[in-house]
Structure formats: structure tokens, C-alpha cells
Protein backbone atom coordinates (compact mmCIF):
# COMPACT_ATOMS: atom_id res chain seq x y z
CA MET A 1 7.20 -16.13 -0.46
CA SER A 2 8.90 -14.24 2.35
CA SER A 3 8.87 -10.48 2.77
CA ASP A 4 12.59 -10.43 1.90
CA ASP A 5 11.64 -11.68 -1.57
CA LEU A 6 9.19 -8.86 -2.31
CA THR A 7 11.45 -5.91 -3.11
CA TRP A 8 11.90 -7.16 -6.69
CA LEU A 9 8.12 -7.21 -7.06
CA LEU A 10 7.78 -3.61 -5.86
CA ASP A 11 10.73 -2.53 -8.05
CA ASP A 12 8.95 -4.10 -11.02
CA PHE A 13 5.75 -2.21 -10.18
CA ARG A 14 7.68 1.07 -10.13
CA ARG A 15 9.15 0.29 -13.57
CA GLN A 16 5.64 -0.30 -14.93
CA VAL A 17 4.10 2.81 -13.35
CA ALA A 18 6.38 5.65 -14.45
CA ASP A 19 4.93 8.22 -12.02
CA ALA A 20 5.32 5.98 -8.96
CA ARG A 21 7.71 7.66 -6.52
CA GLY A 22 7.59 4.89 -3.97
CA ILE A 23 5.68 1.87 -2.73
CA THR A 24 5.60 0.05 0.58
CA LEU A 25 3.93 -3.04 1.97
CA PHE A 26 3.16 -2.80 5.66
CA SER A 27 1.72 -4.88 8.46
CA ALA A 28 -1.45 -3.89 10.28
CA ASP A 29 0.69 -2.80 13.23
CA GLY A 30 2.50 -0.24 11.07
CA LEU A 31 5.78 -1.96 10.24
CA PRO A 32 7.11 -1.99 6.67
CA THR A 33 7.54 -5.50 5.28
CA ALA A 34 8.98 -4.43 1.90
CA PHE A 35 9.50 -1.13 0.09
CA SER A 36 10.92 0.41 -3.06
CA GLY A 37 11.80 3.92 -4.17
CA MET A 38 12.30 5.40 -0.73
CA ALA A 39 14.72 5.41 2.18
CA GLU A 40 14.05 3.09 5.11
CA GLU A 41 13.07 6.03 7.34
CA GLU A 42 10.41 7.12 4.83
CA ALA A 43 9.14 3.54 4.54
CA ASP A 44 8.87 3.39 8.34
CA ALA A 45 6.88 6.63 8.44
CA LEU A 46 4.59 5.66 5.55
CA ALA A 47 3.95 2.20 6.99
CA ALA A 48 2.86 3.76 10.30
CA LEU A 49 0.73 6.31 8.41
CA GLY A 50 -0.84 3.61 6.24
CA ALA A 51 -1.72 1.46 9.24
CA SER A 52 -3.22 4.46 11.06
CA ILE A 53 -5.33 5.49 8.08
CA SER A 54 -6.45 1.89 7.51
CA SER A 55 -7.50 1.60 11.14
CA ALA A 56 -9.39 4.90 11.05
CA ALA A 57 -11.12 3.97 7.78
CA THR A 58 -12.12 0.59 9.20
CA GLY A 59 -13.53 2.32 12.28
CA ALA A 60 -15.53 4.72 10.12
CA SER A 61 -16.79 1.85 8.00
CA THR A 62 -17.86 -0.08 11.09
CA ALA A 63 -19.62 2.96 12.54
CA THR A 64 -21.56 3.54 9.33
CA GLY A 65 -22.18 -0.12 8.53
CA SER A 66 -20.73 0.37 5.05
CA GLY A 67 -18.69 -2.83 4.82
CA ALA A 68 -14.99 -3.51 4.45
CA VAL A 69 -12.64 -0.78 3.27
CA ARG A 70 -10.68 -1.82 0.18
CA HIS A 71 -8.78 1.36 -0.69
CA ALA A 72 -8.38 5.07 0.00
CA LEU A 73 -6.95 8.02 -1.91
CA ILE A 74 -5.18 10.99 -0.36
CA GLU A 75 -4.41 14.03 -2.52
CA SER A 76 -1.72 16.51 -1.51
CA ASP A 77 -0.15 19.43 -3.38
CA GLU A 78 2.58 17.32 -4.98
CA ALA A 79 1.51 13.68 -4.73
CA TYR A 80 -1.28 11.17 -4.41
CA LEU A 81 -1.15 8.38 -1.86
CA LEU A 82 -3.09 5.27 -2.82
CA LEU A 83 -3.79 2.98 0.09
CA HIS A 84 -5.00 -0.57 -0.52
CA GLN A 85 -5.82 -3.59 1.57
CA ALA A 86 -3.29 -6.01 0.09
CA ALA A 87 -4.02 -9.15 2.11
CA GLU A 88 -4.92 -10.20 5.63
CA ARG A 89 -3.15 -7.87 8.09
CA THR A 90 -1.24 -6.26 5.19
CA GLY A 91 -1.59 -2.93 3.44
CA LEU A 92 -0.01 -1.39 0.37
CA LEU A 93 0.75 2.32 0.04
CA VAL A 94 1.74 3.78 -3.34
CA VAL A 95 3.01 7.35 -3.73
CA VAL A 96 2.64 8.85 -7.22
CA THR A 97 3.17 12.34 -8.62
CA VAL A 98 0.17 14.64 -9.09
CA THR A 99 0.59 14.24 -12.85
CA ALA A 100 0.02 10.48 -12.60
CA ASP A 101 -2.83 8.78 -14.42
CA LEU A 102 -4.73 7.55 -11.37
CA GLU A 103 -6.85 5.13 -13.37
CA LEU A 104 -3.74 3.50 -14.82
CA THR A 105 -2.06 3.41 -11.41
CA ALA A 106 -5.12 1.90 -9.71
CA SER A 107 -5.36 -0.71 -12.46
CA ALA A 108 -1.68 -1.63 -12.00
CA VAL A 109 -2.20 -1.98 -8.23
CA GLU A 110 -5.26 -4.21 -8.77
CA GLN A 111 -3.27 -6.39 -11.20
CA LEU A 112 -0.40 -6.67 -8.73
CA LEU A 113 -2.71 -7.68 -5.91
CA ALA A 114 -4.62 -10.14 -8.09
CA ARG A 115 -1.33 -11.79 -9.08
CA VAL A 116 0.32 -12.08 -5.69
CA GLY A 117 -2.12 -10.88 -3.02
CA ALA A 118 -2.47 -14.32 -1.46
CA HIS A 119 1.29 -14.34 -0.76
CA LEU A 120 1.32 -10.96 0.98
CA ALA A 121 -0.56 -11.73 4.20
CA THR A 122 1.32 -10.79 7.37
CA PRO A 123 1.51 -13.65 9.87
CA VAL A 124 -0.07 -13.14 13.28
CA ARG A 125 2.53 -11.93 15.81
CA ARG A 126 2.71 -13.93 19.01
């Protein structure tokens, strides 16, 4: 499954999670590999943000000896950002409205990753 084939998957996720404003898959180096519900410029910015947060969280986890980071939640005035480790060298960032049911959204993300997570890994760049 190539990254070009994944937009339909992210579009389907947004149909299932009514409060999802946008979703992007990104590589560990901060490049979007697929996105839905946002302009390319926003996907670029969120991919870089997601990679930065993932790196910082991994550093904090290493420093505290608390194990691998699986997900993070950021709350702002108008949205939640749910950040997940999707696969090797790949993250997933979901933006939902503040009225979203976070439990339902998190469950939908976990189902998505359980279904296709093995196909989402970003190849090593050479």
C-alpha cells in the first residue's frame, strides 16, 4: 500500500468521526505522507508539528525511563489534537473540535491503526 493510496482511508475516517476536522499521516522527519480535511500547507505544518512533538515526547520518555510513547493529547481553545504513533517512523495527527467525544475518537483511531497500521510504516530514507 503506497502513501498515494491512503487518502481514501483518511477520508473514510473523517466520515466515521463527525467532529474530525482533519487528519494527517506524517514521517518521523516531519513530512506529510497523506492527509484529509485540510489544505496542503496545513498538512505540512501539522506534520512538522507532529514530528517535533513526537521527538520531544520520546526524549522525555527516555529521560524518565517510562517506555515508548504511544499517543499524546493537546487541548486548545477550539480543538483537540490527538497524536499517535501509527507505525515505524510514522505518526498520525487527528484534529477534532472541542465538542468531540474523545473516547469515541480515540477508539476510532485505535481501530484504524489496528486494521492498517502495518501498512503505514515510512521507509528509511537513504
